[in-house]
Amino acid sequence: MQYTSTYESPLGRILLAADDEGLTGLWFDKEKYYALNLAPEHEPKETSAIKETKRWLDVYFSGKQPDFFPPIHMIGSAFQRDVWNILLAIPYGKTTTYGAIAQQLAKQRGLMRMSAQAVGGAVGHNEISIIIPCHRVVGKNGSLTGYAGGIDKKTYLLKLEGGYQETFFVPKHSTAP
C-alpha cells in the first residue's frame, strides 16, 4: 500500500508518496512525470517516512544541508536504480554531467562505454526528486536541461545549494518543461 501527503515548498506544492519501506515519490505539481508510478489505490496518511521527509525538506529549503536522510524506496529497473545511486553520491552544492555518470556506470559494469542519453532517461525518470538530486546533473557544456520539474526549479535548487555557476545556460531546445 502507498500513502500520500503534500508539502508546501517555496517552489509550490509537492506530492509525497511512501510505502512501508520508505519514500517512493516526491513530485512537484504539474511536473512532466507527475505521480507516474503512484499506485492507483493509495491513501492519505502521515507515515514516519513522510514525516521524516517533510523534516528533511524543511531543513533543505531553509538553505542548509540536512545532516540526516529520510528512508527511501527506489522503484525502477536495475539500471535506473544504479543511476539513482550515483545521483545520491553527488555532493551538496556540486554538479556533474550525464557523460560523467555514464563513464562511472560503465566502469562499475566493466564496460568500455555507456550511453549518456540512456543515463539521461534514467535521471529524468527519478521519482524522488530533490532527495535523489537529479537537479545536480547538467549537460557537458553547462546546459541546464532534462529536469522534469522545470528548469526554473532546477535553477532555484542549484542556487539554494550554492552550486549554480554563471556559465550555466538554458538551451534553446530543452528536454525539460
N, C-alpha and C. Protein backbone atom coordinates (compact mmCIF):
# COMPACT_ATOMS: atom_id res chain seq x y z
N MET A 1 0.84 -1.18 0.00
CA MET A 1 0.00 0.00 0.00
C MET A 1 0.88 1.24 0.00
N GLN A 2 0.48 2.23 -0.77
CA GLN A 2 1.17 3.51 -0.77
C GLN A 2 0.31 4.55 -0.06
N TYR A 3 1.02 5.49 0.56
CA TYR A 3 0.38 6.57 1.30
C TYR A 3 0.88 7.89 0.74
N THR A 4 0.06 8.92 0.81
CA THR A 4 0.44 10.21 0.25
C THR A 4 0.19 11.35 1.23
N SER A 5 0.90 12.43 0.97
CA SER A 5 0.72 13.67 1.70
C SER A 5 1.28 14.77 0.81
N THR A 6 0.98 16.01 1.14
CA THR A 6 1.54 17.13 0.37
C THR A 6 2.44 17.97 1.27
N TYR A 7 3.33 18.69 0.60
CA TYR A 7 4.27 19.58 1.28
C TYR A 7 4.27 20.89 0.52
N GLU A 8 4.11 21.99 1.24
CA GLU A 8 4.15 23.32 0.61
C GLU A 8 5.58 23.84 0.64
N SER A 9 6.21 23.90 -0.53
CA SER A 9 7.59 24.35 -0.64
C SER A 9 7.64 25.76 -1.22
N PRO A 10 8.80 26.41 -1.17
CA PRO A 10 8.94 27.72 -1.83
C PRO A 10 8.72 27.63 -3.35
N LEU A 11 8.76 26.43 -3.89
CA LEU A 11 8.57 26.23 -5.33
C LEU A 11 7.19 25.69 -5.67
N GLY A 12 6.31 25.67 -4.69
CA GLY A 12 4.96 25.17 -4.91
C GLY A 12 4.71 23.85 -4.21
N ARG A 13 3.53 23.34 -4.42
CA ARG A 13 3.10 22.11 -3.75
C ARG A 13 3.87 20.91 -4.28
N ILE A 14 4.24 20.04 -3.34
CA ILE A 14 4.93 18.79 -3.65
C ILE A 14 4.07 17.64 -3.13
N LEU A 15 3.89 16.63 -3.96
CA LEU A 15 3.20 15.41 -3.55
C LEU A 15 4.25 14.41 -3.09
N LEU A 16 4.06 13.87 -1.90
CA LEU A 16 4.93 12.84 -1.35
C LEU A 16 4.19 11.52 -1.33
N ALA A 17 4.88 10.43 -1.64
CA ALA A 17 4.29 9.10 -1.57
C ALA A 17 5.28 8.18 -0.85
N ALA A 18 4.75 7.26 -0.09
CA ALA A 18 5.60 6.32 0.64
C ALA A 18 4.88 4.99 0.77
N ASP A 19 5.68 3.95 0.95
CA ASP A 19 5.13 2.65 1.31
C ASP A 19 5.75 2.26 2.65
N ASP A 20 5.64 1.01 3.02
CA ASP A 20 6.16 0.58 4.33
C ASP A 20 7.68 0.60 4.40
N GLU A 21 8.37 0.63 3.24
CA GLU A 21 9.84 0.66 3.22
C GLU A 21 10.39 2.08 3.28
N GLY A 22 9.70 3.04 2.68
CA GLY A 22 10.20 4.40 2.68
C GLY A 22 9.53 5.24 1.61
N LEU A 23 10.09 6.41 1.37
CA LEU A 23 9.56 7.34 0.38
C LEU A 23 9.69 6.74 -1.01
N THR A 24 8.60 6.76 -1.78
CA THR A 24 8.61 6.22 -3.15
C THR A 24 8.45 7.31 -4.19
N GLY A 25 8.02 8.50 -3.79
CA GLY A 25 7.83 9.56 -4.77
C GLY A 25 7.84 10.93 -4.13
N LEU A 26 8.37 11.89 -4.88
CA LEU A 26 8.37 13.30 -4.49
C LEU A 26 8.27 14.08 -5.79
N TRP A 27 7.09 14.64 -6.06
CA TRP A 27 6.82 15.30 -7.33
C TRP A 27 6.28 16.71 -7.13
N PHE A 28 6.80 17.65 -7.93
CA PHE A 28 6.22 18.98 -7.98
C PHE A 28 4.91 18.91 -8.74
N ASP A 29 3.91 19.70 -8.33
CA ASP A 29 2.67 19.79 -9.10
C ASP A 29 3.00 20.11 -10.56
N LYS A 30 2.35 19.43 -11.45
CA LYS A 30 2.43 19.66 -12.90
C LYS A 30 3.78 19.32 -13.51
N GLU A 31 4.61 18.54 -12.82
CA GLU A 31 5.87 18.17 -13.44
C GLU A 31 5.63 17.12 -14.51
N LYS A 32 6.63 16.90 -15.34
CA LYS A 32 6.50 16.06 -16.53
C LYS A 32 5.99 14.65 -16.22
N TYR A 33 6.51 14.00 -15.21
CA TYR A 33 6.11 12.62 -14.90
C TYR A 33 5.37 12.56 -13.56
N TYR A 34 4.51 13.52 -13.32
CA TYR A 34 3.81 13.64 -12.05
C TYR A 34 3.12 12.34 -11.64
N ALA A 35 3.50 11.82 -10.49
CA ALA A 35 2.90 10.63 -9.89
C ALA A 35 2.83 9.45 -10.85
N LEU A 36 3.85 9.32 -11.70
CA LEU A 36 3.85 8.30 -12.74
C LEU A 36 3.64 6.89 -12.19
N ASN A 37 4.34 6.54 -11.14
CA ASN A 37 4.23 5.18 -10.60
C ASN A 37 3.49 5.12 -9.27
N LEU A 38 2.67 6.11 -9.01
CA LEU A 38 1.85 6.09 -7.80
C LEU A 38 0.78 5.03 -7.97
N ALA A 39 0.66 4.16 -7.00
CA ALA A 39 -0.33 3.09 -7.06
C ALA A 39 -1.73 3.69 -7.16
N PRO A 40 -2.59 3.12 -8.02
CA PRO A 40 -3.95 3.63 -8.14
C PRO A 40 -4.69 3.64 -6.79
N GLU A 41 -4.40 2.63 -5.98
CA GLU A 41 -5.01 2.57 -4.65
C GLU A 41 -3.98 3.05 -3.64
N HIS A 42 -4.18 4.25 -3.15
CA HIS A 42 -3.32 4.82 -2.11
C HIS A 42 -4.22 5.64 -1.20
N GLU A 43 -3.67 5.94 -0.03
CA GLU A 43 -4.49 6.72 0.90
C GLU A 43 -3.66 7.80 1.57
N PRO A 44 -4.29 8.92 1.88
CA PRO A 44 -3.58 9.99 2.60
C PRO A 44 -3.21 9.50 4.00
N LYS A 45 -1.95 9.64 4.36
CA LYS A 45 -1.50 9.23 5.68
C LYS A 45 -0.11 9.78 5.94
N GLU A 46 0.11 10.30 7.12
CA GLU A 46 1.41 10.82 7.53
C GLU A 46 2.24 9.67 8.12
N THR A 47 2.87 8.89 7.26
CA THR A 47 3.71 7.80 7.74
C THR A 47 4.99 8.37 8.33
N SER A 48 5.77 7.53 8.99
CA SER A 48 7.03 8.00 9.56
C SER A 48 7.98 8.44 8.44
N ALA A 49 7.97 7.76 7.29
CA ALA A 49 8.84 8.16 6.17
C ALA A 49 8.42 9.53 5.63
N ILE A 50 7.14 9.78 5.56
CA ILE A 50 6.65 11.07 5.07
C ILE A 50 6.98 12.18 6.08
N LYS A 51 6.80 11.91 7.34
CA LYS A 51 7.14 12.91 8.37
C LYS A 51 8.63 13.24 8.34
N GLU A 52 9.47 12.22 8.19
CA GLU A 52 10.91 12.42 8.13
C GLU A 52 11.30 13.19 6.87
N THR A 53 10.61 12.92 5.76
CA THR A 53 10.87 13.64 4.52
C THR A 53 10.49 15.11 4.66
N LYS A 54 9.37 15.39 5.28
CA LYS A 54 8.97 16.78 5.49
C LYS A 54 9.97 17.52 6.37
N ARG A 55 10.49 16.85 7.38
CA ARG A 55 11.51 17.45 8.24
C ARG A 55 12.77 17.73 7.43
N TRP A 56 13.15 16.77 6.57
CA TRP A 56 14.32 16.93 5.70
C TRP A 56 14.12 18.13 4.76
N LEU A 57 12.93 18.23 4.16
CA LEU A 57 12.63 19.34 3.25
C LEU A 57 12.65 20.69 3.96
N ASP A 58 12.16 20.72 5.20
CA ASP A 58 12.20 21.96 5.99
C ASP A 58 13.64 22.45 6.15
N VAL A 59 14.53 21.53 6.49
CA VAL A 59 15.95 21.89 6.66
C VAL A 59 16.52 22.32 5.31
N TYR A 60 16.27 21.53 4.28
CA TYR A 60 16.80 21.81 2.94
C TYR A 60 16.36 23.18 2.43
N PHE A 61 15.07 23.46 2.49
CA PHE A 61 14.57 24.74 1.97
C PHE A 61 14.93 25.93 2.86
N SER A 62 15.46 25.67 4.05
CA SER A 62 15.97 26.77 4.87
C SER A 62 17.37 27.18 4.41
N GLY A 63 17.91 26.46 3.42
CA GLY A 63 19.23 26.79 2.87
C GLY A 63 20.36 26.02 3.51
N LYS A 64 20.03 25.00 4.27
CA LYS A 64 21.06 24.20 4.95
C LYS A 64 21.08 22.79 4.37
N GLN A 65 22.24 22.16 4.48
CA GLN A 65 22.35 20.76 4.06
C GLN A 65 21.85 19.88 5.20
N PRO A 66 20.81 19.08 4.97
CA PRO A 66 20.33 18.20 6.04
C PRO A 66 21.44 17.21 6.46
N ASP A 67 21.49 16.93 7.75
CA ASP A 67 22.51 16.00 8.26
C ASP A 67 21.90 14.63 8.57
N PHE A 68 20.76 14.37 7.96
CA PHE A 68 20.10 13.07 8.09
C PHE A 68 19.44 12.77 6.75
N PHE A 69 18.97 11.55 6.59
CA PHE A 69 18.40 11.14 5.32
C PHE A 69 17.11 10.36 5.58
N PRO A 70 16.01 10.76 4.94
CA PRO A 70 14.77 10.00 5.15
C PRO A 70 14.86 8.64 4.47
N PRO A 71 14.11 7.67 4.96
CA PRO A 71 14.13 6.36 4.30
C PRO A 71 13.48 6.47 2.91
N ILE A 72 14.15 5.86 1.92
CA ILE A 72 13.60 5.88 0.57
C ILE A 72 13.48 4.46 0.05
N HIS A 73 12.58 4.29 -0.90
CA HIS A 73 12.37 3.00 -1.58
C HIS A 73 12.33 3.30 -3.07
N MET A 74 13.47 3.09 -3.73
CA MET A 74 13.57 3.36 -5.16
C MET A 74 12.87 2.24 -5.93
N ILE A 75 11.90 2.62 -6.74
CA ILE A 75 11.17 1.65 -7.56
C ILE A 75 11.51 1.93 -9.02
N GLY A 76 12.22 1.01 -9.63
CA GLY A 76 12.64 1.17 -11.02
C GLY A 76 13.46 -0.03 -11.44
N SER A 77 13.94 0.01 -12.66
CA SER A 77 14.77 -1.07 -13.18
C SER A 77 16.12 -1.07 -12.47
N ALA A 78 16.89 -2.14 -12.63
CA ALA A 78 18.22 -2.21 -12.04
C ALA A 78 19.09 -1.08 -12.58
N PHE A 79 18.99 -0.80 -13.88
CA PHE A 79 19.75 0.29 -14.49
C PHE A 79 19.38 1.62 -13.86
N GLN A 80 18.08 1.89 -13.73
CA GLN A 80 17.64 3.16 -13.12
C GLN A 80 18.16 3.28 -11.69
N ARG A 81 18.04 2.22 -10.92
CA ARG A 81 18.49 2.27 -9.52
C ARG A 81 20.00 2.50 -9.44
N ASP A 82 20.77 1.91 -10.37
CA ASP A 82 22.21 2.16 -10.39
C ASP A 82 22.50 3.64 -10.66
N VAL A 83 21.79 4.23 -11.61
CA VAL A 83 21.96 5.65 -11.91
C VAL A 83 21.56 6.48 -10.70
N TRP A 84 20.42 6.17 -10.09
CA TRP A 84 19.94 6.95 -8.95
C TRP A 84 20.90 6.86 -7.77
N ASN A 85 21.53 5.71 -7.58
CA ASN A 85 22.52 5.59 -6.50
C ASN A 85 23.73 6.47 -6.76
N ILE A 86 24.11 6.62 -8.03
CA ILE A 86 25.19 7.55 -8.37
C ILE A 86 24.75 8.98 -8.06
N LEU A 87 23.50 9.31 -8.36
CA LEU A 87 23.00 10.66 -8.04
C LEU A 87 23.09 10.94 -6.55
N LEU A 88 22.80 9.94 -5.74
CA LEU A 88 22.86 10.12 -4.29
C LEU A 88 24.27 10.47 -3.80
N ALA A 89 25.27 10.12 -4.59
CA ALA A 89 26.66 10.38 -4.20
C ALA A 89 27.17 11.76 -4.64
N ILE A 90 26.36 12.50 -5.41
CA ILE A 90 26.78 13.84 -5.83
C ILE A 90 26.71 14.75 -4.60
N PRO A 91 27.81 15.36 -4.22
CA PRO A 91 27.80 16.18 -3.01
C PRO A 91 26.87 17.40 -3.13
N TYR A 92 26.32 17.79 -2.01
CA TYR A 92 25.51 19.00 -1.89
C TYR A 92 26.30 20.18 -2.44
N GLY A 93 25.66 20.98 -3.29
CA GLY A 93 26.31 22.16 -3.84
C GLY A 93 27.24 21.89 -5.01
N LYS A 94 27.31 20.66 -5.47
CA LYS A 94 28.17 20.30 -6.60
C LYS A 94 27.30 19.80 -7.75
N THR A 95 27.88 19.78 -8.94
CA THR A 95 27.17 19.24 -10.10
C THR A 95 28.08 18.24 -10.82
N THR A 96 27.45 17.44 -11.65
CA THR A 96 28.16 16.52 -12.53
C THR A 96 27.44 16.51 -13.86
N THR A 97 27.95 15.75 -14.80
CA THR A 97 27.33 15.69 -16.12
C THR A 97 26.77 14.30 -16.40
N TYR A 98 25.88 14.25 -17.37
CA TYR A 98 25.33 12.96 -17.80
C TYR A 98 26.46 12.05 -18.28
N GLY A 99 27.42 12.63 -19.01
CA GLY A 99 28.55 11.86 -19.51
C GLY A 99 29.41 11.29 -18.40
N ALA A 100 29.65 12.07 -17.35
CA ALA A 100 30.45 11.59 -16.22
C ALA A 100 29.75 10.44 -15.52
N ILE A 101 28.44 10.53 -15.39
CA ILE A 101 27.68 9.43 -14.77
C ILE A 101 27.77 8.20 -15.67
N ALA A 102 27.65 8.38 -16.98
CA ALA A 102 27.75 7.26 -17.92
C ALA A 102 29.11 6.58 -17.80
N GLN A 103 30.17 7.37 -17.69
CA GLN A 103 31.52 6.80 -17.54
C GLN A 103 31.64 6.02 -16.24
N GLN A 104 31.11 6.57 -15.17
CA GLN A 104 31.17 5.90 -13.87
C GLN A 104 30.39 4.59 -13.91
N LEU A 105 29.22 4.61 -14.51
CA LEU A 105 28.39 3.41 -14.60
C LEU A 105 29.06 2.36 -15.49
N ALA A 106 29.66 2.78 -16.60
CA ALA A 106 30.36 1.83 -17.49
C ALA A 106 31.49 1.16 -16.71
N LYS A 107 32.23 1.94 -15.95
CA LYS A 107 33.33 1.38 -15.16
C LYS A 107 32.81 0.37 -14.14
N GLN A 108 31.72 0.72 -13.45
CA GLN A 108 31.13 -0.19 -12.46
C GLN A 108 30.70 -1.51 -13.09
N ARG A 109 30.23 -1.44 -14.33
CA ARG A 109 29.71 -2.63 -15.02
C ARG A 109 30.76 -3.33 -15.88
N GLY A 110 31.98 -2.82 -15.89
CA GLY A 110 33.05 -3.42 -16.68
C GLY A 110 32.87 -3.24 -18.18
N LEU A 111 32.27 -2.13 -18.57
CA LEU A 111 32.04 -1.84 -19.99
C LEU A 111 33.00 -0.75 -20.46
N MET A 112 33.22 -0.71 -21.77
CA MET A 112 34.07 0.33 -22.34
C MET A 112 33.39 1.69 -22.29
N ARG A 113 32.07 1.69 -22.55
CA ARG A 113 31.34 2.96 -22.54
C ARG A 113 29.87 2.70 -22.24
N MET A 114 29.19 3.77 -21.93
CA MET A 114 27.76 3.73 -21.63
C MET A 114 27.15 4.97 -22.26
N SER A 115 25.92 4.87 -22.70
CA SER A 115 25.23 5.97 -23.35
C SER A 115 24.82 7.05 -22.35
N ALA A 116 25.27 8.28 -22.59
CA ALA A 116 24.85 9.40 -21.76
C ALA A 116 23.36 9.65 -21.92
N GLN A 117 22.82 9.34 -23.10
CA GLN A 117 21.38 9.51 -23.32
C GLN A 117 20.57 8.52 -22.48
N ALA A 118 21.06 7.29 -22.37
CA ALA A 118 20.39 6.30 -21.52
C ALA A 118 20.41 6.76 -20.06
N VAL A 119 21.55 7.30 -19.65
CA VAL A 119 21.66 7.85 -18.30
C VAL A 119 20.66 8.98 -18.13
N GLY A 120 20.57 9.85 -19.14
CA GLY A 120 19.62 10.96 -19.09
C GLY A 120 18.19 10.49 -18.92
N GLY A 121 17.84 9.40 -19.58
CA GLY A 121 16.49 8.84 -19.44
C GLY A 121 16.22 8.38 -18.02
N ALA A 122 17.21 7.73 -17.41
CA ALA A 122 17.05 7.27 -16.03
C ALA A 122 17.00 8.45 -15.06
N VAL A 123 17.85 9.45 -15.29
CA VAL A 123 17.84 10.64 -14.44
C VAL A 123 16.48 11.31 -14.52
N GLY A 124 15.95 11.45 -15.73
CA GLY A 124 14.68 12.12 -15.94
C GLY A 124 13.49 11.39 -15.33
N HIS A 125 13.63 10.08 -15.12
CA HIS A 125 12.53 9.31 -14.53
C HIS A 125 12.72 9.06 -13.04
N ASN A 126 13.61 9.81 -12.43
CA ASN A 126 13.79 9.73 -10.98
C ASN A 126 12.50 10.19 -10.31
N GLU A 127 11.91 9.32 -9.51
CA GLU A 127 10.62 9.61 -8.86
C GLU A 127 10.78 10.37 -7.54
N ILE A 128 12.01 10.46 -7.04
CA ILE A 128 12.22 11.07 -5.72
C ILE A 128 13.13 12.29 -5.90
N SER A 129 12.62 13.27 -6.64
CA SER A 129 13.45 14.45 -6.93
C SER A 129 13.82 15.18 -5.65
N ILE A 130 14.81 16.01 -5.75
CA ILE A 130 15.43 16.79 -4.67
C ILE A 130 16.24 15.86 -3.77
N ILE A 131 15.61 14.87 -3.15
CA ILE A 131 16.32 13.98 -2.24
C ILE A 131 17.31 13.10 -3.01
N ILE A 132 16.86 12.52 -4.12
CA ILE A 132 17.79 11.91 -5.08
C ILE A 132 18.05 13.06 -6.06
N PRO A 133 19.20 13.72 -5.93
CA PRO A 133 19.41 15.04 -6.52
C PRO A 133 19.68 15.07 -8.03
N CYS A 134 18.66 14.78 -8.82
CA CYS A 134 18.81 14.84 -10.28
C CYS A 134 19.02 16.27 -10.76
N HIS A 135 18.67 17.26 -9.95
CA HIS A 135 18.89 18.66 -10.34
C HIS A 135 20.38 19.00 -10.40
N ARG A 136 21.23 18.16 -9.85
CA ARG A 136 22.68 18.41 -9.84
C ARG A 136 23.37 17.90 -11.11
N VAL A 137 22.59 17.41 -12.07
CA VAL A 137 23.16 16.89 -13.32
C VAL A 137 22.92 17.90 -14.43
N VAL A 138 24.00 18.28 -15.11
CA VAL A 138 23.93 19.27 -16.19
C VAL A 138 24.57 18.69 -17.44
N GLY A 139 24.34 19.34 -18.57
CA GLY A 139 24.99 18.94 -19.80
C GLY A 139 26.48 19.24 -19.74
N LYS A 140 27.27 18.54 -20.56
CA LYS A 140 28.74 18.71 -20.52
C LYS A 140 29.18 20.14 -20.85
N ASN A 141 28.32 20.87 -21.57
CA ASN A 141 28.66 22.25 -21.92
C ASN A 141 28.05 23.27 -20.95
N GLY A 142 27.49 22.77 -19.83
CA GLY A 142 26.89 23.66 -18.84
C GLY A 142 25.42 23.94 -19.07
N SER A 143 24.81 23.19 -19.99
CA SER A 143 23.39 23.42 -20.26
C SER A 143 22.52 22.84 -19.15
N LEU A 144 21.52 23.60 -18.77
CA LEU A 144 20.54 23.16 -17.77
C LEU A 144 19.40 22.52 -18.54
N THR A 145 19.39 21.23 -18.56
CA THR A 145 18.42 20.51 -19.36
C THR A 145 17.96 19.27 -18.62
N GLY A 146 16.83 18.76 -19.01
CA GLY A 146 16.40 17.46 -18.52
C GLY A 146 15.77 17.39 -17.15
N TYR A 147 15.29 18.48 -16.58
CA TYR A 147 14.69 18.41 -15.25
C TYR A 147 13.17 18.38 -15.38
N ALA A 148 12.57 17.26 -15.00
CA ALA A 148 11.11 17.08 -15.16
C ALA A 148 10.31 18.12 -14.40
N GLY A 149 10.85 18.65 -13.31
CA GLY A 149 10.15 19.66 -12.53
C GLY A 149 10.16 21.03 -13.16
N GLY A 150 11.04 21.23 -14.15
CA GLY A 150 11.14 22.52 -14.83
C GLY A 150 12.49 23.17 -14.57
N ILE A 151 13.00 23.84 -15.59
CA ILE A 151 14.31 24.49 -15.49
C ILE A 151 14.34 25.55 -14.40
N ASP A 152 13.22 26.26 -14.19
CA ASP A 152 13.19 27.28 -13.14
C ASP A 152 13.43 26.66 -11.76
N LYS A 153 12.88 25.48 -11.54
CA LYS A 153 13.07 24.80 -10.25
C LYS A 153 14.50 24.27 -10.12
N LYS A 154 15.03 23.73 -11.22
CA LYS A 154 16.41 23.25 -11.20
C LYS A 154 17.37 24.40 -10.86
N THR A 155 17.16 25.53 -11.48
CA THR A 155 17.99 26.71 -11.22
C THR A 155 17.88 27.14 -9.76
N TYR A 156 16.67 27.20 -9.25
CA TYR A 156 16.44 27.59 -7.85
C TYR A 156 17.18 26.64 -6.90
N LEU A 157 17.05 25.34 -7.13
CA LEU A 157 17.68 24.36 -6.25
C LEU A 157 19.20 24.46 -6.28
N LEU A 158 19.76 24.64 -7.48
CA LEU A 158 21.22 24.80 -7.58
C LEU A 158 21.68 26.07 -6.87
N LYS A 159 20.93 27.15 -7.01
CA LYS A 159 21.29 28.39 -6.31
C LYS A 159 21.15 28.23 -4.80
N LEU A 160 20.10 27.56 -4.36
CA LEU A 160 19.89 27.32 -2.94
C LEU A 160 21.09 26.60 -2.32
N GLU A 161 21.64 25.64 -3.06
CA GLU A 161 22.77 24.85 -2.58
C GLU A 161 24.12 25.53 -2.79
N GLY A 162 24.13 26.63 -3.53
CA GLY A 162 25.39 27.28 -3.85
C GLY A 162 26.14 26.60 -4.98
N GLY A 163 25.45 25.78 -5.76
CA GLY A 163 26.10 25.05 -6.85
C GLY A 163 25.86 25.64 -8.23
N TYR A 164 25.14 26.75 -8.28
CA TYR A 164 24.86 27.37 -9.57
C TYR A 164 26.10 28.10 -10.07
N GLN A 165 26.39 27.95 -11.36
CA GLN A 165 27.53 28.63 -11.96
C GLN A 165 27.02 29.58 -13.03
N GLU A 166 27.66 30.72 -13.14
CA GLU A 166 27.24 31.72 -14.13
C GLU A 166 27.37 31.22 -15.56
N THR A 167 28.16 30.17 -15.77
CA THR A 167 28.33 29.61 -17.12
C THR A 167 27.18 28.70 -17.52
N PHE A 168 26.30 28.36 -16.57
CA PHE A 168 25.15 27.52 -16.90
C PHE A 168 24.20 28.31 -17.80
N PHE A 169 23.50 27.60 -18.66
CA PHE A 169 22.54 28.26 -19.56
C PHE A 169 21.42 27.30 -19.91
N VAL A 170 20.31 27.86 -20.36
CA VAL A 170 19.16 27.08 -20.80
C VAL A 170 19.24 26.97 -22.32
N PRO A 171 19.33 25.75 -22.84
CA PRO A 171 19.41 25.60 -24.30
C PRO A 171 18.10 25.98 -24.98
N LYS A 172 18.22 26.35 -26.24
CA LYS A 172 17.01 26.75 -26.99
C LYS A 172 16.02 25.61 -27.10
N HIS A 173 16.51 24.39 -27.20
CA HIS A 173 15.64 23.22 -27.35
C HIS A 173 15.88 22.29 -26.16
N SER A 174 15.28 22.62 -25.04
CA SER A 174 15.46 21.86 -23.81
C SER A 174 14.49 20.68 -23.78
N THR A 175 14.90 19.63 -23.05
CA THR A 175 14.03 18.48 -22.85
C THR A 175 13.16 18.62 -21.62
N ALA A 176 13.33 19.71 -20.89
CA ALA A 176 12.55 19.95 -19.69
C ALA A 176 11.49 21.02 -19.95
N PRO A 177 10.40 20.96 -19.19
CA PRO A 177 9.34 21.97 -19.36
C PRO A 177 9.78 23.35 -18.93
